[in-house]
């Protein structure tokens, strides 16, 4: 894990901005560390949880579409045909 952290740090002299592959590798390697060492790494357990929350939020959001969904042409044609055949 330390080697991967060093490669991420070497790529960027300023604040490190790991991409999704780096995050996945760091998250997988962090599970192998003892809990006592987890607090002293580049990626803290809180950071790992924040990454996971953002990933879940992005994956499980639904588009905010107001109103009723559109009906298909087949259903509209059926309703119109039934209305013409059975006047009230």
C-alpha atoms as a PDB file:
ATOM      1  CA  UNK A   1       0.000   0.000   0.000  1.00  0.00           C
ATOM      2  CA  UNK A   2       2.841   2.352   0.827  1.00  0.00           C
ATOM      3  CA  UNK A   3       4.355   1.864  -2.637  1.00  0.00           C
ATOM      4  CA  UNK A   4       1.079   2.757  -4.312  1.00  0.00           C
ATOM      5  CA  UNK A   5       0.701   5.835  -2.114  1.00  0.00           C
ATOM      6  CA  UNK A   6       4.204   6.940  -3.045  1.00  0.00           C
ATOM      7  CA  UNK A   7       3.487   6.552  -6.773  1.00  0.00           C
ATOM      8  CA  UNK A   8       0.350   8.665  -6.408  1.00  0.00           C
ATOM      9  CA  UNK A   9       2.299  11.332  -4.524  1.00  0.00           C
ATOM     10  CA  UNK A  10       5.141  11.351  -7.034  1.00  0.00           C
ATOM     11  CA  UNK A  11       2.785  11.997  -9.924  1.00  0.00           C
ATOM     12  CA  UNK A  12       1.575  15.223  -8.372  1.00  0.00           C
ATOM     13  CA  UNK A  13       3.753  17.487  -6.323  1.00  0.00           C
ATOM     14  CA  UNK A  14       0.776  19.478  -5.036  1.00  0.00           C
ATOM     15  CA  UNK A  15      -2.240  17.959  -3.335  1.00  0.00           C
ATOM     16  CA  UNK A  16      -2.753  14.422  -4.670  1.00  0.00           C
ATOM     17  CA  UNK A  17      -5.862  13.853  -6.771  1.00  0.00           C
ATOM     18  CA  UNK A  18      -6.198  10.094  -7.226  1.00  0.00           C
ATOM     19  CA  UNK A  19      -8.318   8.822 -10.096  1.00  0.00           C
ATOM     20  CA  UNK A  20     -10.856   6.019  -9.727  1.00  0.00           C
ATOM     21  CA  UNK A  21      -8.262   3.285 -10.262  1.00  0.00           C
ATOM     22  CA  UNK A  22      -6.059   4.718  -7.514  1.00  0.00           C
ATOM     23  CA  UNK A  23      -9.047   4.951  -5.197  1.00  0.00           C
ATOM     24  CA  UNK A  24      -9.999   1.351  -5.874  1.00  0.00           C
ATOM     25  CA  UNK A  25      -6.461   0.126  -5.240  1.00  0.00           C
ATOM     26  CA  UNK A  26      -6.091   2.170  -2.055  1.00  0.00           C
ATOM     27  CA  UNK A  27      -9.474   0.996  -0.764  1.00  0.00           C
ATOM     28  CA  UNK A  28      -8.624  -2.635  -1.456  1.00  0.00           C
ATOM     29  CA  UNK A  29      -5.189  -2.375   0.126  1.00  0.00           C
ATOM     30  CA  UNK A  30      -6.528  -0.503   3.161  1.00  0.00           C
ATOM     31  CA  UNK A  31      -8.596  -3.550   4.101  1.00  0.00           C
ATOM     32  CA  UNK A  32      -5.397  -5.546   4.507  1.00  0.00           C
ATOM     33  CA  UNK A  33      -3.882  -3.132   7.015  1.00  0.00           C
ATOM     34  CA  UNK A  34      -4.408  -3.479  10.752  1.00  0.00           C
ATOM     35  CA  UNK A  35      -6.864  -0.948  12.161  1.00  0.00           C
ATOM     36  CA  UNK A  36      -4.122   0.763  14.185  1.00  0.00           C
ATOM     37  CA  UNK A  37      -2.197   1.644  10.997  1.00  0.00           C
ATOM     38  CA  UNK A  38      -5.250   2.788   9.065  1.00  0.00           C
ATOM     39  CA  UNK A  39      -5.366   6.157  10.794  1.00  0.00           C
ATOM     40  CA  UNK A  40      -1.813   7.029   9.718  1.00  0.00           C
ATOM     41  CA  UNK A  41      -2.148   6.487   5.985  1.00  0.00           C
ATOM     42  CA  UNK A  42      -2.632   8.917   3.132  1.00  0.00           C
ATOM     43  CA  UNK A  43      -6.218   7.763   2.878  1.00  0.00           C
ATOM     44  CA  UNK A  44      -8.036   7.686   6.201  1.00  0.00           C
ATOM     45  CA  UNK A  45     -11.041   5.464   6.885  1.00  0.00           C
ATOM     46  CA  UNK A  46     -13.259   8.556   6.742  1.00  0.00           C
ATOM     47  CA  UNK A  47     -11.967   9.335   3.253  1.00  0.00           C
ATOM     48  CA  UNK A  48     -12.696   5.786   2.113  1.00  0.00           C
ATOM     49  CA  UNK A  49     -16.238   6.067   3.441  1.00  0.00           C
ATOM     50  CA  UNK A  50     -16.725   9.411   1.701  1.00  0.00           C
ATOM     51  CA  UNK A  51     -15.575   7.886  -1.611  1.00  0.00           C
ATOM     52  CA  UNK A  52     -18.027   5.036  -1.132  1.00  0.00           C
ATOM     53  CA  UNK A  53     -20.903   7.392  -0.282  1.00  0.00           C
ATOM     54  CA  UNK A  54     -20.218   9.468  -3.409  1.00  0.00           C
ATOM     55  CA  UNK A  55     -20.042   6.345  -5.563  1.00  0.00           C
ATOM     56  CA  UNK A  56     -23.363   5.058  -4.218  1.00  0.00           C
ATOM     57  CA  UNK A  57     -24.988   8.480  -4.571  1.00  0.00           C
ATOM     58  CA  UNK A  58     -23.913   8.721  -8.213  1.00  0.00           C
ATOM     59  CA  UNK A  59     -25.047   5.198  -9.032  1.00  0.00           C
ATOM     60  CA  UNK A  60     -28.436   5.218  -7.289  1.00  0.00           C
ATOM     61  CA  UNK A  61     -29.835   8.615  -8.136  1.00  0.00           C
ATOM     62  CA  UNK A  62     -32.899   8.781 -10.298  1.00  0.00           C
ATOM     63  CA  UNK A  63     -33.547  11.585 -12.756  1.00  0.00           C
ATOM     64  CA  UNK A  64     -35.880  14.191 -11.368  1.00  0.00           C
ATOM     65  CA  UNK A  65     -38.618  14.155 -13.966  1.00  0.00           C
ATOM     66  CA  UNK A  66     -41.739  15.974 -12.847  1.00  0.00           C
ATOM     67  CA  UNK A  67     -45.123  14.816 -13.987  1.00  0.00           C
ATOM     68  CA  UNK A  68     -46.518  11.585 -15.205  1.00  0.00           C
ATOM     69  CA  UNK A  69     -44.482   9.363 -17.541  1.00  0.00           C
ATOM     70  CA  UNK A  70     -45.561   9.248 -21.179  1.00  0.00           C
ATOM     71  CA  UNK A  71     -47.746   6.384 -22.361  1.00  0.00           C
ATOM     72  CA  UNK A  72     -46.836   4.419 -25.440  1.00  0.00           C
ATOM     73  CA  UNK A  73     -48.588   4.840 -28.801  1.00  0.00           C
ATOM     74  CA  UNK A  74     -50.128   1.377 -28.478  1.00  0.00           C
ATOM     75  CA  UNK A  75     -51.838   2.206 -25.187  1.00  0.00           C
ATOM     76  CA  UNK A  76     -53.090   5.545 -26.486  1.00  0.00           C
ATOM     77  CA  UNK A  77     -54.533   3.887 -29.584  1.00  0.00           C
ATOM     78  CA  UNK A  78     -56.222   1.225 -27.441  1.00  0.00           C
ATOM     79  CA  UNK A  79     -57.793   3.813 -25.123  1.00  0.00           C
ATOM     80  CA  UNK A  80     -59.076   5.864 -28.051  1.00  0.00           C
ATOM     81  CA  UNK A  81     -60.487   2.764 -29.757  1.00  0.00           C
ATOM     82  CA  UNK A  82     -62.249   1.665 -26.557  1.00  0.00           C
ATOM     83  CA  UNK A  83     -63.646   5.153 -26.044  1.00  0.00           C
ATOM     84  CA  UNK A  84     -65.093   5.170 -29.562  1.00  0.00           C
ATOM     85  CA  UNK A  85     -66.565   1.675 -29.224  1.00  0.00           C
ATOM     86  CA  UNK A  86     -68.126   2.338 -25.801  1.00  0.00           C
ATOM     87  CA  UNK A  87     -69.530   5.859 -25.635  1.00  0.00           C
ATOM     88  CA  UNK A  88     -70.750   6.874 -22.196  1.00  0.00           C
END
